[in-house]
Amino acid sequence: MSSASRQSPGIFITLEGGEGSGKTTQARRLCAYLTAQGLNVLRTREPGGTLLAERVRTLLLNHSKETVAPETEALLILAARRQHVEHVIKPALAQGKTVVCDRFSDSTMAYQGYGRGLDLRTLRMMNDWATGKLVPHLTLVFDVPVPVGLQRRRGQGTTQNRLDREAERFHKNVRAGFHALAKKEPRRIMVIDASSSLESVEREVRYCITNWLKAYRSPKPHRR
């Protein structure tokens, strides 16, 4: 797969995790931190990011009397991602911006692959087609035990979406999926314990990002 670094001068960072992991809050705080460091930051999300993709998001998360087949779910997500990549992410990266995205391809592998049981190889192939093989420079996975995450979601006072109401086994498979993905790509994917306070998690995120940026910006030795 081609990394984002081979396609543009920008930096592509994605945040992943199960329900109630706190990644959306951390995405907002991370963007504020990176902006304070002098980076030109764009914060976005999936499914979503464009008018059409946000409409798909509504279809995917709202409750419906009609059962959504796993394949339909995956295809809708990939369609929204294509719009997002084409109209938002790639143009921003080409302009040298730092894109911070709340969910991306790893969520598809974790939710539709490990969670729904769809074939991982097929999902990867279709995702490569939808994204033009765009891969984040860095991915942070916010990890919490499933009961903790679901309890947080219930305590937020927000309406439970379709995924929130999935069986606990589904969410445990999703969590296992994120761990499996991190194990396969340890240089790109960092797992952060998100079970502590927001402030503690934020400090850990800043520590990881600061060290990663130093390594990313350091001159690379030339090969002979």
Protein backbone atom coordinates (compact mmCIF):
# COMPACT_ATOMS: atom_id res chain seq x y z
CA MET A 1 0.00 0.00 0.00
CA SER A 2 1.14 3.52 -0.71
CA SER A 3 1.43 5.76 2.31
CA ALA A 4 0.12 9.31 2.39
CA SER A 5 3.73 10.53 2.53
CA ARG A 6 4.35 9.32 -1.01
CA GLN A 7 1.41 11.22 -2.41
CA SER A 8 1.50 14.67 -0.80
CA PRO A 9 3.46 17.07 1.42
CA GLY A 10 0.83 17.05 4.19
CA ILE A 11 0.49 14.86 7.28
CA PHE A 12 -2.42 12.46 7.68
CA ILE A 13 -3.33 11.40 11.23
CA THR A 14 -6.33 9.23 12.06
CA LEU A 15 -8.00 8.48 15.40
CA GLU A 16 -9.75 5.17 15.93
CA GLY A 17 -11.48 3.27 18.69
CA GLY A 18 -14.69 1.65 19.83
CA GLU A 19 -17.83 3.33 21.08
CA GLY A 20 -17.23 5.56 24.09
CA SER A 21 -13.45 5.57 23.69
CA GLY A 22 -13.30 9.37 23.77
CA LYS A 23 -11.54 9.71 20.43
CA THR A 24 -13.79 12.52 19.18
CA THR A 25 -12.99 14.66 22.20
CA GLN A 26 -9.29 13.86 21.83
CA ALA A 27 -9.43 14.72 18.13
CA ARG A 28 -10.66 18.20 18.99
CA ARG A 29 -7.98 18.65 21.65
CA LEU A 30 -5.27 17.28 19.40
CA CYS A 31 -6.17 19.73 16.65
CA ALA A 32 -5.93 22.63 19.09
CA TYR A 33 -2.51 21.39 20.22
CA LEU A 34 -1.17 20.92 16.70
CA THR A 35 -2.46 24.34 15.67
CA ALA A 36 -0.62 25.86 18.64
CA GLN A 37 2.53 24.14 17.33
CA GLY A 38 2.19 26.11 14.11
CA LEU A 39 0.63 23.44 11.89
CA ASN A 40 -2.17 24.18 9.45
CA VAL A 41 -4.75 21.68 10.68
CA LEU A 42 -7.94 20.33 9.16
CA ARG A 43 -10.23 18.27 11.41
CA THR A 44 -12.72 15.95 9.73
CA ARG A 45 -14.58 12.71 10.36
CA GLU A 46 -15.96 9.50 8.89
CA PRO A 47 -18.45 8.62 7.77
CA GLY A 48 -18.82 12.23 6.70
CA GLY A 49 -16.68 15.16 5.72
CA THR A 50 -18.71 16.18 2.65
CA LEU A 51 -22.39 16.94 2.12
CA LEU A 52 -23.03 13.61 0.43
CA ALA A 53 -20.92 11.64 2.91
CA GLU A 54 -22.77 13.23 5.85
CA ARG A 55 -26.05 12.07 4.33
CA VAL A 56 -24.64 8.55 4.15
CA ARG A 57 -23.61 8.87 7.80
CA THR A 58 -27.21 9.62 8.73
CA LEU A 59 -28.39 6.55 6.83
CA LEU A 60 -25.84 4.35 8.55
CA LEU A 61 -26.34 5.51 12.14
CA ASN A 62 -30.07 6.17 12.32
CA HIS A 63 -32.40 3.42 13.44
CA SER A 64 -34.46 1.76 10.75
CA LYS A 65 -37.04 -1.00 10.60
CA GLU A 66 -35.13 -2.33 7.61
CA THR A 67 -32.16 -4.50 8.52
CA VAL A 68 -28.89 -3.28 7.00
CA ALA A 69 -26.89 -6.12 5.45
CA PRO A 70 -23.18 -6.07 6.41
CA GLU A 71 -22.22 -5.80 2.73
CA THR A 72 -24.55 -2.84 2.26
CA GLU A 73 -23.07 -1.17 5.32
CA ALA A 74 -19.54 -1.62 3.98
CA LEU A 75 -20.41 -0.35 0.50
CA LEU A 76 -22.09 2.76 1.88
CA ILE A 77 -19.07 3.52 4.06
CA LEU A 78 -16.68 3.07 1.16
CA ALA A 79 -18.81 5.28 -1.10
CA ALA A 80 -18.77 8.02 1.53
CA ARG A 81 -15.01 7.56 1.98
CA ARG A 82 -14.36 7.99 -1.72
CA GLN A 83 -16.16 11.35 -1.67
CA HIS A 84 -14.27 12.34 1.46
CA VAL A 85 -10.85 11.42 0.11
CA GLU A 86 -11.47 13.00 -3.30
CA HIS A 87 -12.99 16.28 -2.15
CA VAL A 88 -11.46 16.89 1.29
CA ILE A 89 -8.50 14.77 2.39
CA LYS A 90 -6.33 14.63 -0.73
CA PRO A 91 -6.73 18.34 -1.57
CA ALA A 92 -5.82 19.29 2.02
CA LEU A 93 -2.76 17.04 2.02
CA ALA A 94 -1.68 18.46 -1.35
CA GLN A 95 -1.77 21.92 0.24
CA GLY A 96 0.55 20.73 3.00
CA LYS A 97 -2.08 20.66 5.72
CA THR A 98 -2.17 18.28 8.66
CA VAL A 99 -5.39 16.31 8.40
CA VAL A 100 -6.79 14.82 11.61
CA CYS A 101 -9.60 12.40 10.82
CA ASP A 102 -11.98 10.84 13.34
CA ARG A 103 -12.13 7.29 11.89
CA PHE A 104 -10.84 6.02 8.55
CA SER A 105 -9.99 2.71 6.92
CA ASP A 106 -9.04 0.88 10.12
CA SER A 107 -12.61 1.31 11.37
CA THR A 108 -13.86 -0.50 8.29
CA MET A 109 -11.54 -3.41 8.96
CA ALA A 110 -12.46 -3.51 12.66
CA TYR A 111 -16.22 -2.98 12.38
CA GLN A 112 -17.18 -4.58 9.08
CA GLY A 113 -14.33 -7.11 9.05
CA TYR A 114 -13.80 -8.32 12.61
CA GLY A 115 -17.19 -7.14 13.86
CA ARG A 116 -19.50 -8.18 11.01
CA GLY A 117 -17.36 -11.05 9.77
CA LEU A 118 -16.83 -9.82 6.22
CA ASP A 119 -13.77 -11.11 4.39
CA LEU A 120 -10.75 -9.00 5.38
CA ARG A 121 -8.91 -9.46 2.09
CA THR A 122 -11.93 -8.31 0.10
CA LEU A 123 -12.42 -5.30 2.36
CA ARG A 124 -8.78 -4.27 1.97
CA MET A 125 -8.99 -4.53 -1.80
CA MET A 126 -12.19 -2.49 -1.95
CA ASN A 127 -10.83 0.08 0.48
CA ASP A 128 -7.66 0.47 -1.59
CA TRP A 129 -9.86 1.08 -4.62
CA ALA A 130 -11.99 3.65 -2.77
CA THR A 131 -9.03 5.55 -1.30
CA GLY A 132 -6.48 5.23 -4.09
CA LYS A 133 -4.37 3.30 -1.54
CA LEU A 134 -4.19 6.29 0.79
CA VAL A 135 -2.78 5.21 4.17
CA PRO A 136 -2.40 7.48 7.23
CA HIS A 137 1.06 8.44 8.41
CA LEU A 138 -0.03 7.80 12.00
CA THR A 139 -3.05 6.17 13.62
CA LEU A 140 -3.98 6.42 17.29
CA VAL A 141 -6.32 3.73 18.61
CA PHE A 142 -8.12 4.72 21.81
CA ASP A 143 -8.73 1.55 23.75
CA VAL A 144 -11.24 0.98 26.54
CA PRO A 145 -12.93 -2.18 27.84
CA VAL A 146 -16.25 -2.61 26.05
CA PRO A 147 -18.47 -2.30 29.17
CA VAL A 148 -16.71 0.96 30.08
CA GLY A 149 -17.15 2.42 26.61
CA LEU A 150 -20.81 1.51 26.36
CA GLN A 151 -21.47 2.89 29.85
CA ARG A 152 -19.84 6.16 28.82
CA ARG A 153 -22.08 6.37 25.78
CA ARG A 154 -25.16 5.85 27.91
CA GLY A 155 -23.95 8.45 30.39
CA GLN A 156 -23.41 11.12 27.76
CA GLY A 157 -27.13 11.73 27.47
CA THR A 158 -27.03 11.42 23.69
CA THR A 159 -29.43 9.35 21.62
CA GLN A 160 -28.12 5.83 21.12
CA ASN A 161 -27.35 5.20 17.45
CA ARG A 162 -27.66 1.92 15.58
CA LEU A 163 -24.13 0.79 16.46
CA ASP A 164 -24.50 1.63 20.14
CA ARG A 165 -27.30 -0.93 20.35
CA GLU A 166 -25.30 -3.79 18.90
CA ALA A 167 -24.66 -6.80 21.14
CA GLU A 168 -21.66 -6.66 23.46
CA ARG A 169 -20.04 -9.52 21.53
CA PHE A 170 -19.99 -7.36 18.41
CA HIS A 171 -18.17 -4.56 20.23
CA LYS A 172 -15.69 -7.04 21.74
CA ASN A 173 -14.91 -8.35 18.25
CA VAL A 174 -14.38 -4.77 17.06
CA ARG A 175 -11.98 -4.11 19.93
CA ALA A 176 -10.09 -7.32 19.17
CA GLY A 177 -9.94 -6.19 15.55
CA PHE A 178 -8.25 -2.91 16.43
CA HIS A 179 -5.68 -4.79 18.53
CA ALA A 180 -5.02 -7.20 15.67
CA LEU A 181 -4.51 -4.33 13.23
CA ALA A 182 -2.12 -2.60 15.63
CA LYS A 183 -0.12 -5.79 16.01
CA LYS A 184 0.25 -6.07 12.23
CA GLU A 185 1.33 -2.44 11.78
CA PRO A 186 3.08 -1.35 14.98
CA ARG A 187 5.04 1.43 13.26
CA ARG A 188 1.88 3.19 12.09
CA ILE A 189 -0.68 2.29 14.75
CA MET A 190 -0.28 3.28 18.41
CA VAL A 191 -2.71 1.95 21.01
CA ILE A 192 -3.52 4.38 23.82
CA ASP A 193 -5.18 3.36 27.08
CA ALA A 194 -8.25 5.61 27.08
CA SER A 195 -9.81 4.27 30.28
CA SER A 196 -8.37 7.04 32.48
CA SER A 197 -9.35 10.73 32.67
CA LEU A 198 -9.57 12.95 29.59
CA GLU A 199 -6.61 14.96 30.84
CA SER A 200 -4.42 11.87 31.33
CA VAL A 201 -5.28 10.58 27.89
CA GLU A 202 -4.61 14.00 26.38
CA ARG A 203 -1.15 14.08 27.95
CA GLU A 204 -0.41 10.64 26.53
CA VAL A 205 -1.58 11.75 23.09
CA ARG A 206 0.61 14.84 23.18
CA TYR A 207 3.60 12.77 24.28
CA CYS A 208 3.10 10.30 21.43
CA ILE A 209 2.48 12.99 18.83
CA THR A 210 5.46 15.11 19.90
CA ASN A 211 7.85 12.17 19.72
CA TRP A 212 6.38 11.00 16.44
CA LEU A 213 6.67 14.45 14.84
CA LYS A 214 10.31 14.70 15.91
CA ALA A 215 11.08 11.37 14.27
CA TYR A 216 9.01 12.22 11.18
CA ARG A 217 10.77 15.55 10.66
CA SER A 218 14.30 14.29 11.36
CA PRO A 219 16.54 13.92 8.29
CA LYS A 220 16.48 10.42 6.87
CA PRO A 221 19.87 8.80 6.16
CA HIS A 222 20.64 8.36 2.49
CA ARG A 223 20.99 4.86 1.17
CA ARG A 224 24.06 4.07 -0.89
